[in-house]
Amino acid sequence: MSDITRSPYPPETLDSDEDDGTMPENLASLADQVVGHRIIRAEMAEYPGRYYGTAQGLVLTLSNGKRVRLADTDDCCAFTSLDKFLAHPENVDHVITGVGTTDGYTRWHIYADLGDVIELDVSWSCGNPFYYGYGFDISVEDLPEIEARVIPQKQIGEMK
């Protein structure tokens, strides 16, 4: 897992009949996308689905000009869903140093040097082990160039 500093959240181990490695892999995929960047915006949004229709989920806009989408999944009795997220505005200016979990992968922490930047409350089940798919559907897109330009706060004040 991408991690710049020692994690305040020790790796969790789930029983082999609860998870086949999907949740740690999902966490690592998220970490690979966000570690080393700042989160510019976090919002729940609807967007085109990966294969058809639309999906709804958390969209993280990063300082590297990318959007990371975490879409809920639901496959028969297996699922993963984001129940809510809590942003810590006092830490948003800090570069993400890691991603960890607590409470059996039901609380996800995206953290920086001074603490959590965002906490995610997650519900999940492997369903009928391990016949159906679960874990967030994580996708990444480049922002259009006009949206990707971020003007530092100092420059915004100088533009008046």
Protein backbone atom coordinates (compact mmCIF):
# COMPACT_ATOMS: atom_id res chain seq x y z
CA MET A 1 0.00 0.00 0.00
CA SER A 2 1.26 3.49 -0.79
CA ASP A 3 2.20 5.13 2.47
CA ILE A 4 4.72 7.94 2.96
CA THR A 5 4.79 7.77 6.76
CA ARG A 6 4.06 5.19 9.44
CA SER A 7 0.32 4.58 9.54
CA PRO A 8 -1.67 5.52 12.64
CA TYR A 9 -4.02 2.70 11.59
CA PRO A 10 -2.48 -0.78 11.87
CA PRO A 11 -3.47 -3.11 9.01
CA GLU A 12 -6.65 -5.01 9.75
CA THR A 13 -6.91 -8.76 9.27
CA LEU A 14 -10.27 -10.21 8.39
CA ASP A 15 -11.25 -13.84 8.80
CA SER A 16 -10.89 -15.84 5.57
CA ASP A 17 -14.63 -16.54 5.46
CA GLU A 18 -15.38 -12.79 5.66
CA ASP A 19 -13.09 -11.52 2.91
CA ASP A 20 -10.98 -13.01 0.14
CA GLY A 21 -8.58 -10.05 0.01
CA THR A 22 -10.96 -7.73 -1.83
CA MET A 23 -11.15 -5.10 0.92
CA PRO A 24 -7.36 -4.71 1.45
CA GLU A 25 -6.90 -4.59 -2.34
CA ASN A 26 -9.63 -1.95 -2.59
CA LEU A 27 -7.97 0.12 0.12
CA ALA A 28 -4.59 -0.18 -1.64
CA SER A 29 -6.15 0.95 -4.94
CA LEU A 30 -7.53 4.06 -3.26
CA ALA A 31 -4.18 4.76 -1.59
CA ASP A 32 -2.35 4.42 -4.93
CA GLN A 33 -4.49 7.25 -6.30
CA VAL A 34 -4.59 9.74 -3.40
CA VAL A 35 -1.29 9.44 -1.51
CA GLY A 36 1.06 12.31 -2.33
CA HIS A 37 -1.72 14.71 -3.37
CA ARG A 38 -4.09 17.13 -1.69
CA ILE A 39 -7.86 16.78 -1.89
CA ILE A 40 -9.28 19.92 -3.50
CA ARG A 41 -12.94 18.86 -3.34
CA ALA A 42 -14.96 15.94 -1.96
CA GLU A 43 -18.58 15.50 -3.00
CA MET A 44 -21.26 12.91 -3.62
CA ALA A 45 -22.12 12.98 -7.31
CA GLU A 46 -23.79 11.05 -10.10
CA TYR A 47 -21.68 10.28 -13.15
CA PRO A 48 -21.65 7.91 -16.14
CA GLY A 49 -21.35 4.28 -15.05
CA ARG A 50 -18.35 2.22 -16.00
CA TYR A 51 -20.30 0.00 -18.40
CA TYR A 52 -23.77 1.57 -18.74
CA GLY A 53 -26.23 3.89 -17.04
CA THR A 54 -25.10 6.07 -14.17
CA ALA A 55 -23.31 5.53 -10.90
CA GLN A 56 -23.38 7.53 -7.71
CA GLY A 57 -20.55 7.82 -5.29
CA LEU A 58 -17.86 9.90 -3.68
CA VAL A 59 -15.79 12.00 -6.06
CA LEU A 60 -12.42 13.27 -4.81
CA THR A 61 -10.84 16.02 -6.91
CA LEU A 62 -7.08 15.97 -6.36
CA SER A 63 -4.32 18.55 -6.68
CA ASN A 64 -2.78 16.54 -9.55
CA GLY A 65 -5.70 17.32 -11.87
CA LYS A 66 -7.47 13.97 -11.44
CA ARG A 67 -10.83 12.88 -10.08
CA VAL A 68 -11.05 9.65 -8.13
CA ARG A 69 -14.51 8.10 -7.99
CA LEU A 70 -15.62 5.54 -5.41
CA ALA A 71 -18.86 4.00 -6.64
CA ASP A 72 -20.98 1.69 -4.52
CA THR A 73 -21.32 -1.88 -5.74
CA ASP A 74 -24.26 -4.25 -5.37
CA ASP A 75 -24.20 -7.78 -6.75
CA CYS A 76 -27.04 -9.92 -5.41
CA CYS A 77 -26.26 -10.31 -1.68
CA ALA A 78 -22.72 -8.86 -1.87
CA PHE A 79 -22.24 -5.09 -1.69
CA THR A 80 -20.08 -2.18 -0.67
CA SER A 81 -21.59 1.24 0.00
CA LEU A 82 -20.49 4.57 1.37
CA ASP A 83 -22.96 5.53 4.08
CA LYS A 84 -21.46 8.96 4.77
CA PHE A 85 -18.21 10.86 4.75
CA LEU A 86 -16.82 13.42 7.15
CA ALA A 87 -14.29 16.00 5.98
CA HIS A 88 -11.87 17.65 8.38
CA PRO A 89 -11.42 21.13 6.85
CA GLU A 90 -8.54 21.98 9.19
CA ASN A 91 -6.41 19.33 7.41
CA VAL A 92 -7.39 19.77 3.75
CA ASP A 93 -4.29 21.82 2.90
CA HIS A 94 -2.06 18.89 3.81
CA VAL A 95 -0.77 16.26 1.40
CA ILE A 96 -2.31 12.81 1.87
CA THR A 97 0.23 10.48 3.48
CA GLY A 98 -1.85 7.32 3.73
CA VAL A 99 -5.15 5.48 3.84
CA GLY A 100 -6.16 3.11 6.62
CA THR A 101 -9.19 1.39 8.14
CA THR A 102 -10.68 0.53 11.50
CA ASP A 103 -13.67 -1.50 12.69
CA GLY A 104 -13.40 -4.30 10.14
CA TYR A 105 -13.10 -2.04 7.09
CA THR A 106 -16.26 -0.14 8.03
CA ARG A 107 -14.38 3.11 8.81
CA TRP A 108 -11.86 4.28 6.21
CA HIS A 109 -9.38 7.07 6.98
CA ILE A 110 -7.66 9.23 4.37
CA TYR A 111 -5.02 10.97 6.43
CA ALA A 112 -2.20 13.51 6.33
CA ASP A 113 0.59 14.35 8.74
CA LEU A 114 -1.74 16.12 11.20
CA GLY A 115 -4.59 13.60 11.14
CA ASP A 116 -7.57 12.52 9.08
CA VAL A 117 -8.54 14.63 6.08
CA ILE A 118 -11.64 12.53 5.32
CA GLU A 119 -13.33 9.65 7.12
CA LEU A 120 -15.65 7.27 5.29
CA ASP A 121 -18.36 5.17 6.96
CA VAL A 122 -18.66 2.04 4.83
CA SER A 123 -21.10 -0.89 4.84
CA TRP A 124 -20.07 -4.07 3.08
CA SER A 125 -20.68 -7.78 2.81
CA CYS A 126 -19.07 -10.50 0.72
CA GLY A 127 -22.52 -12.08 0.43
CA ASN A 128 -22.33 -15.77 -0.41
CA PRO A 129 -18.55 -16.07 0.04
CA PHE A 130 -17.03 -15.31 -2.62
CA TYR A 131 -19.35 -15.89 -5.49
CA TYR A 132 -20.50 -12.30 -6.00
CA GLY A 133 -18.44 -9.13 -6.45
CA TYR A 134 -18.02 -6.50 -3.75
CA GLY A 135 -15.63 -3.63 -2.97
CA PHE A 136 -15.83 -0.09 -4.32
CA ASP A 137 -15.64 0.41 -8.06
CA ILE A 138 -12.72 2.88 -8.14
CA SER A 139 -12.14 4.85 -11.32
CA VAL A 140 -9.92 7.80 -12.18
CA GLU A 141 -10.31 10.51 -14.78
CA ASP A 142 -8.25 13.49 -15.85
CA LEU A 143 -9.95 16.83 -15.36
CA PRO A 144 -10.46 19.00 -18.42
CA GLU A 145 -7.52 21.41 -18.57
CA ILE A 146 -9.63 24.43 -17.65
CA GLU A 147 -10.81 22.70 -14.44
CA ALA A 148 -7.37 21.32 -13.60
CA ARG A 149 -5.81 24.73 -13.14
CA VAL A 150 -5.79 25.53 -9.45
CA ILE A 151 -5.02 29.10 -8.49
CA PRO A 152 -3.17 29.33 -5.16
CA GLN A 153 -4.97 31.42 -2.53
CA LYS A 154 -2.17 34.01 -2.59
CA GLN A 155 -2.70 34.56 -6.32
CA ILE A 156 -6.47 34.89 -5.92
CA GLY A 157 -5.95 37.88 -3.58
CA GLU A 158 -3.50 39.45 -6.03
CA MET A 159 -6.03 39.31 -8.90
CA LYS A 160 -8.35 41.97 -7.49
